[in-house]
C-alpha atoms as a PDB file:
ATOM      1  CA  MET A   1      84.192  98.306 140.237  1.00  0.00           C
ATOM      2  CA  THR A   2      84.542 102.067 140.261  1.00  0.00           C
ATOM      3  CA  THR A   3      87.150 104.422 138.944  1.00  0.00           C
ATOM      4  CA  ASN A   4      88.793 103.908 142.357  1.00  0.00           C
ATOM      5  CA  ASN A   5      88.795 100.125 141.751  1.00  0.00           C
ATOM      6  CA  TRP A   6      86.834  99.507 144.945  1.00  0.00           C
ATOM      7  CA  ASN A   7      84.436  96.601 145.323  1.00  0.00           C
ATOM      8  CA  TYR A   8      81.159  98.054 146.620  1.00  0.00           C
ATOM      9  CA  GLU A   9      80.142  94.755 148.254  1.00  0.00           C
ATOM     10  CA  GLU A  10      83.391  94.483 150.240  1.00  0.00           C
ATOM     11  CA  LEU A  11      82.800  97.970 151.618  1.00  0.00           C
ATOM     12  CA  GLY A  12      79.201  97.103 152.617  1.00  0.00           C
ATOM     13  CA  PHE A  13      77.233  98.956 149.933  1.00  0.00           C
ATOM     14  CA  ASN A  14      74.093  97.504 148.383  1.00  0.00           C
ATOM     15  CA  SER A  15      74.995  98.689 144.890  1.00  0.00           C
ATOM     16  CA  GLU A  16      77.576 100.451 142.782  1.00  0.00           C
ATOM     17  CA  ALA A  17      75.275 103.487 142.558  1.00  0.00           C
ATOM     18  CA  GLU A  18      74.997 103.683 146.354  1.00  0.00           C
ATOM     19  CA  MET A  19      78.790 103.653 146.637  1.00  0.00           C
ATOM     20  CA  GLN A  20      79.123 106.349 143.969  1.00  0.00           C
ATOM     21  CA  ALA A  21      76.574 108.479 145.851  1.00  0.00           C
ATOM     22  CA  SER A  22      78.618 108.038 149.040  1.00  0.00           C
ATOM     23  CA  ILE A  23      81.835 109.019 147.251  1.00  0.00           C
ATOM     24  CA  THR A  24      80.067 112.117 145.903  1.00  0.00           C
ATOM     25  CA  ARG A  25      78.743 113.006 149.400  1.00  0.00           C
ATOM     26  CA  VAL A  26      82.157 112.571 151.001  1.00  0.00           C
ATOM     27  CA  LYS A  27      83.912 114.678 148.358  1.00  0.00           C
ATOM     28  CA  ARG A  28      81.222 117.367 148.640  1.00  0.00           C
ATOM     29  CA  LYS A  29      81.480 117.382 152.463  1.00  0.00           C
ATOM     30  CA  GLN A  30      85.246 117.792 152.249  1.00  0.00           C
ATOM     31  CA  ASN A  31      84.592 121.293 150.888  1.00  0.00           C
ATOM     32  CA  MET A  32      81.991 122.178 153.562  1.00  0.00           C
ATOM     33  CA  ASN A  33      82.439 123.792 156.964  1.00  0.00           C
ATOM     34  CA  ASP A  34      80.948 122.318 160.180  1.00  0.00           C
ATOM     35  CA  ILE A  35      77.706 124.331 160.011  1.00  0.00           C
ATOM     36  CA  GLU A  36      77.047 123.273 156.413  1.00  0.00           C
ATOM     37  CA  ILE A  37      77.654 119.633 157.354  1.00  0.00           C
ATOM     38  CA  ARG A  38      75.194 119.867 160.296  1.00  0.00           C
ATOM     39  CA  MET A  39      72.563 121.429 158.051  1.00  0.00           C
ATOM     40  CA  GLU A  40      73.092 118.621 155.542  1.00  0.00           C
ATOM     41  CA  ASN A  41      72.657 116.017 158.302  1.00  0.00           C
ATOM     42  CA  LEU A  42      69.328 117.576 159.397  1.00  0.00           C
ATOM     43  CA  LYS A  43      67.928 117.035 155.881  1.00  0.00           C
ATOM     44  CA  ASP A  44      68.152 113.236 156.155  1.00  0.00           C
ATOM     45  CA  GLY A  45      64.400 112.843 156.788  1.00  0.00           C
ATOM     46  CA  SER A  46      64.664 111.128 160.166  1.00  0.00           C
ATOM     47  CA  ILE A  47      62.412 113.709 161.844  1.00  0.00           C
ATOM     48  CA  SER A  48      59.099 114.523 160.199  1.00  0.00           C
ATOM     49  CA  LYS A  49      57.578 117.993 160.062  1.00  0.00           C
ATOM     50  CA  SER A  50      55.122 116.967 162.779  1.00  0.00           C
ATOM     51  CA  GLY A  51      58.028 116.027 165.084  1.00  0.00           C
ATOM     52  CA  GLY A  52      57.761 112.255 164.715  1.00  0.00           C
ATOM     53  CA  ILE A  53      60.878 110.138 164.489  1.00  0.00           C
ATOM     54  CA  ASN A  54      61.362 107.876 161.489  1.00  0.00           C
ATOM     55  CA  PHE A  55      63.498 105.048 162.919  1.00  0.00           C
ATOM     56  CA  ASP A  56      63.992 103.416 159.534  1.00  0.00           C
ATOM     57  CA  ALA A  57      65.397 106.690 158.173  1.00  0.00           C
ATOM     58  CA  LEU A  58      67.612 107.050 161.280  1.00  0.00           C
ATOM     59  CA  LYS A  59      68.886 103.517 160.832  1.00  0.00           C
ATOM     60  CA  ASP A  60      69.519 104.017 157.131  1.00  0.00           C
ATOM     61  CA  GLY A  61      71.170 107.382 157.822  1.00  0.00           C
ATOM     62  CA  ALA A  62      73.475 105.773 160.389  1.00  0.00           C
ATOM     63  CA  ARG A  63      74.348 103.004 157.918  1.00  0.00           C
ATOM     64  CA  LEU A  64      75.114 105.579 155.209  1.00  0.00           C
ATOM     65  CA  ALA A  65      77.137 107.699 157.658  1.00  0.00           C
ATOM     66  CA  ASP A  66      79.178 104.614 158.563  1.00  0.00           C
ATOM     67  CA  LEU A  67      79.696 103.838 154.865  1.00  0.00           C
ATOM     68  CA  ASP A  68      80.648 107.479 154.238  1.00  0.00           C
ATOM     69  CA  ARG A  69      83.300 107.184 156.974  1.00  0.00           C
ATOM     70  CA  LYS A  70      84.643 104.067 155.246  1.00  0.00           C
ATOM     71  CA  VAL A  71      84.742 105.912 151.920  1.00  0.00           C
ATOM     72  CA  HIS A  72      86.430 108.906 153.545  1.00  0.00           C
ATOM     73  CA  ASN A  73      89.046 106.644 155.150  1.00  0.00           C
ATOM     74  CA  LYS A  74      89.579 104.843 151.849  1.00  0.00           C
ATOM     75  CA  LEU A  75      90.017 108.149 149.990  1.00  0.00           C
ATOM     76  CA  VAL A  76      92.506 109.334 152.615  1.00  0.00           C
ATOM     77  CA  ALA A  77      94.371 106.000 152.442  1.00  0.00           C
ATOM     78  CA  ASP A  78      94.489 106.150 148.632  1.00  0.00           C
ATOM     79  CA  ARG A  79      95.782 109.734 148.731  1.00  0.00           C
ATOM     80  CA  GLU A  80      98.432 108.760 151.311  1.00  0.00           C
ATOM     81  CA  LEU A  81      99.425 105.735 149.227  1.00  0.00           C
ATOM     82  CA  LYS A  82      99.898 107.959 146.161  1.00  0.00           C
ATOM     83  CA  ARG A  83     101.980 110.397 148.235  1.00  0.00           C
ATOM     84  CA  VAL A  84     104.157 107.581 149.594  1.00  0.00           C
ATOM     85  CA  GLN A  85     104.586 106.082 146.133  1.00  0.00           C
ATOM     86  CA  ALA A  86     105.600 109.474 144.726  1.00  0.00           C
ATOM     87  CA  GLU A  87     108.094 109.895 147.580  1.00  0.00           C
ATOM     88  CA  GLN A  88     109.477 106.392 146.948  1.00  0.00           C
ATOM     89  CA  GLU A  89     109.854 107.127 143.233  1.00  0.00           C
ATOM     90  CA  LYS A  90     111.669 110.359 144.076  1.00  0.00           C
ATOM     91  CA  MET A  91     113.993 108.517 146.480  1.00  0.00           C
ATOM     92  CA  GLN A  92     114.561 105.801 143.868  1.00  0.00           C
ATOM     93  CA  ARG A  93     115.569 108.431 141.308  1.00  0.00           C
ATOM     94  CA  LEU A  94     117.926 110.036 143.844  1.00  0.00           C
ATOM     95  CA  MET A  95     119.456 106.679 144.780  1.00  0.00           C
ATOM     96  CA  SER A  96     119.826 105.746 141.126  1.00  0.00           C
ATOM     97  CA  GLY A  97     121.542 109.051 140.381  1.00  0.00           C
ATOM     98  CA  LEU A  98     123.810 108.609 143.397  1.00  0.00           C
ATOM     99  CA  SER A  99     124.651 105.074 142.314  1.00  0.00           C
ATOM    100  CA  GLU A 100     125.506 106.281 138.801  1.00  0.00           C
ATOM    101  CA  SER A 101     127.655 109.064 140.237  1.00  0.00           C
ATOM    102  CA  ILE A 102     129.541 106.655 142.498  1.00  0.00           C
ATOM    103  CA  GLU A 103     130.024 104.222 139.621  1.00  0.00           C
ATOM    104  CA  LYS A 104     131.329 107.058 137.420  1.00  0.00           C
ATOM    105  CA  ASP A 105     133.753 108.194 140.143  1.00  0.00           C
ATOM    106  CA  ASN A 106     134.947 104.631 140.749  1.00  0.00           C
ATOM    107  CA  ARG A 107     135.431 104.077 137.017  1.00  0.00           C
ATOM    108  CA  ALA A 108     137.486 107.288 136.744  1.00  0.00           C
ATOM    109  CA  LYS A 109     139.641 106.246 139.727  1.00  0.00           C
ATOM    110  CA  ALA A 110     140.156 102.770 138.258  1.00  0.00           C
ATOM    111  CA  GLU A 111     141.088 104.162 134.834  1.00  0.00           C
ATOM    112  CA  LYS A 112     143.579 106.600 136.409  1.00  0.00           C
ATOM    113  CA  GLU A 113     145.132 103.860 138.526  1.00  0.00           C
ATOM    114  CA  PHE A 114     145.310 101.595 135.476  1.00  0.00           C
ATOM    115  CA  ALA A 115     147.026 104.316 133.424  1.00  0.00           C
ATOM    116  CA  ASP A 116     149.513 105.012 136.250  1.00  0.00           C
ATOM    117  CA  GLU A 117     150.336 101.326 136.670  1.00  0.00           C
ATOM    118  CA  LYS A 118     150.621 100.867 132.901  1.00  0.00           C
ATOM    119  CA  ALA A 119     153.046 103.805 132.599  1.00  0.00           C
ATOM    120  CA  LYS A 120     155.091 102.478 135.524  1.00  0.00           C
ATOM    121  CA  LEU A 121     155.282  98.970 134.070  1.00  0.00           C
ATOM    122  CA  GLU A 122     156.104 100.288 130.587  1.00  0.00           C
ATOM    123  CA  SER A 123     158.909 102.385 132.050  1.00  0.00           C
ATOM    124  CA  GLU A 124     160.304  99.423 133.989  1.00  0.00           C
ATOM    125  CA  LEU A 125     160.038  97.137 130.961  1.00  0.00           C
ATOM    126  CA  GLN A 126     161.721  99.712 128.693  1.00  0.00           C
ATOM    127  CA  LYS A 127     164.532 100.147 131.221  1.00  0.00           C
ATOM    128  CA  GLU A 128     165.024  96.375 131.500  1.00  0.00           C
ATOM    129  CA  VAL A 129     165.026  95.760 127.739  1.00  0.00           C
ATOM    130  CA  TYR A 130     167.240  98.772 126.932  1.00  0.00           C
ATOM    131  CA  SER A 131     169.770  97.887 129.635  1.00  0.00           C
ATOM    132  CA  LYS A 132     169.876  94.306 128.344  1.00  0.00           C
ATOM    133  CA  HIS A 133     170.997  95.685 124.972  1.00  0.00           C
ATOM    134  CA  GLY A 134     173.233  98.387 126.430  1.00  0.00           C
ATOM    135  CA  VAL A 135     171.023 101.287 125.360  1.00  0.00           C
ATOM    136  CA  ILE A 136     169.933 104.041 127.689  1.00  0.00           C
ATOM    137  CA  THR A 137     166.271 105.049 127.903  1.00  0.00           C
ATOM    138  CA  ASP A 138     164.986 108.501 127.079  1.00  0.00           C
ATOM    139  CA  ALA A 139     164.439 109.178 130.765  1.00  0.00           C
ATOM    140  CA  GLU A 140     168.002 108.094 131.569  1.00  0.00           C
ATOM    141  CA  ALA A 141     169.343 110.288 128.746  1.00  0.00           C
ATOM    142  CA  ILE A 142     167.482 113.302 130.115  1.00  0.00           C
ATOM    143  CA  GLN A 143     168.683 112.489 133.607  1.00  0.00           C
ATOM    144  CA  ARG A 144     172.314 112.144 132.466  1.00  0.00           C
ATOM    145  CA  LYS A 145     172.122 115.396 130.502  1.00  0.00           C
ATOM    146  CA  SER A 146     170.678 117.234 133.500  1.00  0.00           C
ATOM    147  CA  LEU A 147     173.370 115.793 135.756  1.00  0.00           C
ATOM    148  CA  SER A 148     176.054 116.729 133.224  1.00  0.00           C
ATOM    149  CA  ASN A 149     174.758 120.293 132.993  1.00  0.00           C
ATOM    150  CA  LEU A 150     174.671 120.508 136.754  1.00  0.00           C
ATOM    151  CA  ILE A 151     178.269 119.243 137.059  1.00  0.00           C
ATOM    152  CA  ASN A 152     179.497 121.488 134.234  1.00  0.00           C
ATOM    153  CA  GLY A 153     177.749 124.408 135.864  1.00  0.00           C
ATOM    154  CA  ALA A 154     179.420 123.633 139.167  1.00  0.00           C
ATOM    155  CA  ILE A 155     182.885 123.174 137.560  1.00  0.00           C
ATOM    156  CA  GLY A 156     182.486 126.411 135.618  1.00  0.00           C
ATOM    157  CA  LYS A 157     181.795 128.344 138.821  1.00  0.00           C
ATOM    158  CA  SER A 158     184.732 126.870 140.688  1.00  0.00           C
ATOM    159  CA  GLU A 159     187.354 127.929 138.119  1.00  0.00           C
END
């Protein structure tokens, strides 16, 4: 296995070293322009200086070129997988933050509603208990005083 965790046999290489050489070639060619790549391909030894064709070298060169394409595709797929995973992690963080925000908002709404209902029930209970014993509540006392002031104010103006 390599640093990329690829099995050289599954990809069709004869050895780990051959796969590493292919990975090196592919990475080097990624930084080359078309002319540099063509010059590199002419150096494969398939045509001798006398003009003869070495079919074994052509065959081996074609096999290596095919393996290089596999390596290139694998590198591209690995890079895309890392990009997708990073995007998924980012989305997961966003969704988690959104979920926490919604939960916080819902908790605040629930606590407010609980406090409102509690105050309402306490007021009703106080009114019921106080009236049972013939005592007026603080709210009723304030209301009566306000009403009394209003009436006294109205009587004072009419005289």
